[in-house]
Amino acid sequence: MGRRKKITVQVPEDLLRRAQKQSRDGVTGTVRKGLELLAASDIYDRIRQLRGKVHLTYDLEELRRDRR
C-alpha cells in the first residue's frame, strides 16, 4: 500500500453510520474503502466510454467445449 498519512476529518454522524453499516467495517476501514472507490471511478468512466466500441465474436459451442 505504500506510505500512509494520518488525517482528521469531520463528517456528519449519520453519513458515517450509514457508510459503516454498508461497509461492515470500522471508521478507518470505511473511509479507506470510500477513498478506493472514488479513486477507481475514473477507470469506471473509461470503461463506460468503451460501451458499443468493443466487438466480441465467440462460438458458444467452442466455449462450452473449453470448459470440460
N, C-alpha and C. Protein backbone atom coordinates (compact mmCIF):
# COMPACT_ATOMS: atom_id res chain seq x y z
N MET A 1 0.83 -1.19 0.00
CA MET A 1 0.00 0.00 0.00
C MET A 1 0.87 1.25 0.00
N GLY A 2 2.09 1.16 0.48
CA GLY A 2 2.96 2.33 0.46
C GLY A 2 2.86 3.16 1.72
N ARG A 3 3.29 4.38 1.61
CA ARG A 3 3.28 5.29 2.75
C ARG A 3 1.86 5.61 3.17
N ARG A 4 1.72 5.93 4.42
CA ARG A 4 0.40 6.29 4.95
C ARG A 4 0.43 7.70 5.49
N LYS A 5 -0.73 8.32 5.50
CA LYS A 5 -0.86 9.68 6.01
C LYS A 5 -2.03 9.70 6.98
N LYS A 6 -1.79 10.18 8.16
CA LYS A 6 -2.85 10.30 9.15
C LYS A 6 -3.59 11.60 8.90
N ILE A 7 -4.93 11.52 8.89
CA ILE A 7 -5.75 12.70 8.62
C ILE A 7 -6.83 12.83 9.69
N THR A 8 -7.35 14.01 9.80
CA THR A 8 -8.50 14.27 10.66
C THR A 8 -9.59 14.86 9.77
N VAL A 9 -10.76 14.25 9.83
CA VAL A 9 -11.87 14.74 9.02
C VAL A 9 -13.11 14.88 9.89
N GLN A 10 -13.95 15.79 9.49
CA GLN A 10 -15.23 15.96 10.15
C GLN A 10 -16.32 15.57 9.16
N VAL A 11 -17.12 14.59 9.56
CA VAL A 11 -18.20 14.11 8.70
C VAL A 11 -19.49 14.03 9.52
N PRO A 12 -20.61 14.17 8.87
CA PRO A 12 -21.88 14.02 9.58
C PRO A 12 -22.00 12.61 10.17
N GLU A 13 -22.45 12.54 11.41
CA GLU A 13 -22.55 11.24 12.08
C GLU A 13 -23.44 10.26 11.33
N ASP A 14 -24.57 10.73 10.82
CA ASP A 14 -25.48 9.82 10.13
C ASP A 14 -24.86 9.26 8.85
N LEU A 15 -24.08 10.08 8.15
CA LEU A 15 -23.40 9.62 6.94
C LEU A 15 -22.38 8.54 7.29
N LEU A 16 -21.60 8.78 8.32
CA LEU A 16 -20.60 7.80 8.75
C LEU A 16 -21.28 6.52 9.21
N ARG A 17 -22.34 6.63 9.97
CA ARG A 17 -23.06 5.46 10.47
C ARG A 17 -23.61 4.63 9.31
N ARG A 18 -24.21 5.29 8.31
CA ARG A 18 -24.74 4.57 7.15
C ARG A 18 -23.61 3.90 6.34
N ALA A 19 -22.51 4.61 6.19
CA ALA A 19 -21.38 4.06 5.44
C ALA A 19 -20.79 2.85 6.17
N GLN A 20 -20.68 2.95 7.49
CA GLN A 20 -20.14 1.83 8.26
C GLN A 20 -21.07 0.62 8.20
N LYS A 21 -22.34 0.87 8.21
CA LYS A 21 -23.31 -0.22 8.10
C LYS A 21 -23.14 -0.93 6.77
N GLN A 22 -22.96 -0.16 5.71
CA GLN A 22 -22.79 -0.74 4.37
C GLN A 22 -21.45 -1.46 4.24
N SER A 23 -20.38 -0.89 4.78
CA SER A 23 -19.06 -1.48 4.63
C SER A 23 -18.81 -2.60 5.64
N ARG A 24 -19.60 -2.61 6.72
CA ARG A 24 -19.42 -3.57 7.80
C ARG A 24 -17.99 -3.50 8.34
N ASP A 25 -17.52 -2.30 8.53
CA ASP A 25 -16.15 -2.06 8.97
C ASP A 25 -16.12 -0.88 9.93
N GLY A 26 -14.98 -0.64 10.54
CA GLY A 26 -14.81 0.50 11.43
C GLY A 26 -14.63 1.78 10.64
N VAL A 27 -14.32 2.85 11.38
CA VAL A 27 -14.18 4.16 10.75
C VAL A 27 -13.05 4.15 9.72
N THR A 28 -11.88 3.68 10.10
CA THR A 28 -10.73 3.69 9.20
C THR A 28 -11.00 2.85 7.95
N GLY A 29 -11.52 1.65 8.14
CA GLY A 29 -11.81 0.78 7.01
C GLY A 29 -12.86 1.36 6.09
N THR A 30 -13.87 1.99 6.67
CA THR A 30 -14.93 2.60 5.88
C THR A 30 -14.40 3.76 5.04
N VAL A 31 -13.61 4.63 5.67
CA VAL A 31 -13.03 5.77 4.94
C VAL A 31 -12.10 5.26 3.84
N ARG A 32 -11.30 4.26 4.15
CA ARG A 32 -10.36 3.71 3.16
C ARG A 32 -11.12 3.14 1.96
N LYS A 33 -12.20 2.37 2.23
CA LYS A 33 -12.99 1.81 1.13
C LYS A 33 -13.61 2.91 0.28
N GLY A 34 -14.11 3.96 0.93
CA GLY A 34 -14.70 5.07 0.19
C GLY A 34 -13.68 5.76 -0.70
N LEU A 35 -12.47 5.96 -0.19
CA LEU A 35 -11.42 6.59 -0.98
C LEU A 35 -11.01 5.71 -2.15
N GLU A 36 -10.95 4.39 -1.93
CA GLU A 36 -10.60 3.47 -3.02
C GLU A 36 -11.66 3.51 -4.12
N LEU A 37 -12.93 3.56 -3.74
CA LEU A 37 -13.99 3.64 -4.74
C LEU A 37 -13.92 4.93 -5.53
N LEU A 38 -13.67 6.02 -4.85
CA LEU A 38 -13.57 7.31 -5.53
C LEU A 38 -12.36 7.33 -6.47
N ALA A 39 -11.25 6.78 -6.02
CA ALA A 39 -10.05 6.75 -6.85
C ALA A 39 -10.25 5.88 -8.08
N ALA A 40 -11.07 4.83 -7.97
CA ALA A 40 -11.30 3.93 -9.10
C ALA A 40 -12.36 4.45 -10.07
N SER A 41 -13.06 5.51 -9.70
CA SER A 41 -14.18 5.98 -10.52
C SER A 41 -13.74 6.42 -11.92
N ASP A 42 -12.52 6.92 -12.06
CA ASP A 42 -12.06 7.31 -13.40
C ASP A 42 -11.91 6.09 -14.30
N ILE A 43 -11.53 4.97 -13.73
CA ILE A 43 -11.43 3.74 -14.52
C ILE A 43 -12.81 3.30 -14.98
N TYR A 44 -13.80 3.39 -14.09
CA TYR A 44 -15.17 3.04 -14.46
C TYR A 44 -15.66 3.94 -15.58
N ASP A 45 -15.32 5.23 -15.52
CA ASP A 45 -15.72 6.15 -16.58
C ASP A 45 -15.12 5.76 -17.92
N ARG A 46 -13.84 5.38 -17.91
CA ARG A 46 -13.19 4.98 -19.16
C ARG A 46 -13.80 3.70 -19.72
N ILE A 47 -14.16 2.78 -18.84
CA ILE A 47 -14.79 1.54 -19.29
C ILE A 47 -16.15 1.85 -19.90
N ARG A 48 -16.92 2.75 -19.26
CA ARG A 48 -18.22 3.12 -19.79
C ARG A 48 -18.11 3.75 -21.17
N GLN A 49 -17.04 4.50 -21.43
CA GLN A 49 -16.85 5.13 -22.73
C GLN A 49 -16.63 4.10 -23.84
N LEU A 50 -16.21 2.88 -23.47
CA LEU A 50 -15.98 1.83 -24.46
C LEU A 50 -17.27 1.14 -24.89
N ARG A 51 -18.36 1.44 -24.20
CA ARG A 51 -19.62 0.77 -24.50
C ARG A 51 -19.98 0.92 -25.98
N GLY A 52 -20.18 -0.22 -26.61
CA GLY A 52 -20.54 -0.24 -28.02
C GLY A 52 -19.35 -0.16 -28.97
N LYS A 53 -18.15 0.02 -28.43
CA LYS A 53 -16.97 0.16 -29.29
C LYS A 53 -16.14 -1.12 -29.36
N VAL A 54 -16.36 -2.03 -28.44
CA VAL A 54 -15.64 -3.29 -28.42
C VAL A 54 -16.57 -4.38 -28.95
N HIS A 55 -16.16 -5.03 -30.01
CA HIS A 55 -16.98 -6.06 -30.63
C HIS A 55 -16.32 -7.41 -30.41
N LEU A 56 -17.06 -8.29 -29.76
CA LEU A 56 -16.56 -9.62 -29.48
C LEU A 56 -17.29 -10.63 -30.35
N THR A 57 -16.53 -11.57 -30.87
CA THR A 57 -17.14 -12.68 -31.58
C THR A 57 -16.71 -13.95 -30.87
N TYR A 58 -17.65 -14.82 -30.65
CA TYR A 58 -17.33 -16.06 -29.97
C TYR A 58 -18.25 -17.16 -30.46
N ASP A 59 -17.76 -18.37 -30.30
CA ASP A 59 -18.51 -19.55 -30.68
C ASP A 59 -18.96 -20.22 -29.38
N LEU A 60 -20.25 -20.20 -29.12
CA LEU A 60 -20.79 -20.73 -27.87
C LEU A 60 -20.42 -22.20 -27.68
N GLU A 61 -20.49 -22.98 -28.72
CA GLU A 61 -20.14 -24.40 -28.61
C GLU A 61 -18.66 -24.58 -28.25
N GLU A 62 -17.81 -23.76 -28.85
CA GLU A 62 -16.38 -23.85 -28.54
C GLU A 62 -16.11 -23.47 -27.09
N LEU A 63 -16.80 -22.46 -26.60
CA LEU A 63 -16.66 -22.07 -25.20
C LEU A 63 -17.11 -23.20 -24.27
N ARG A 64 -18.18 -23.86 -24.63
CA ARG A 64 -18.67 -24.97 -23.80
C ARG A 64 -17.67 -26.14 -23.80
N ARG A 65 -17.08 -26.43 -24.97
CA ARG A 65 -16.08 -27.49 -25.04
C ARG A 65 -14.86 -27.13 -24.21
N ASP A 66 -14.52 -25.87 -24.17
CA ASP A 66 -13.33 -25.42 -23.44
C ASP A 66 -13.50 -25.58 -21.93
N ARG A 67 -14.72 -25.59 -21.45
CA ARG A 67 -14.99 -25.72 -20.01
C ARG A 67 -14.76 -27.14 -19.51
N ARG A 68 -14.84 -28.10 -20.39
CA ARG A 68 -14.74 -29.52 -19.98
C ARG A 68 -13.35 -29.92 -19.64
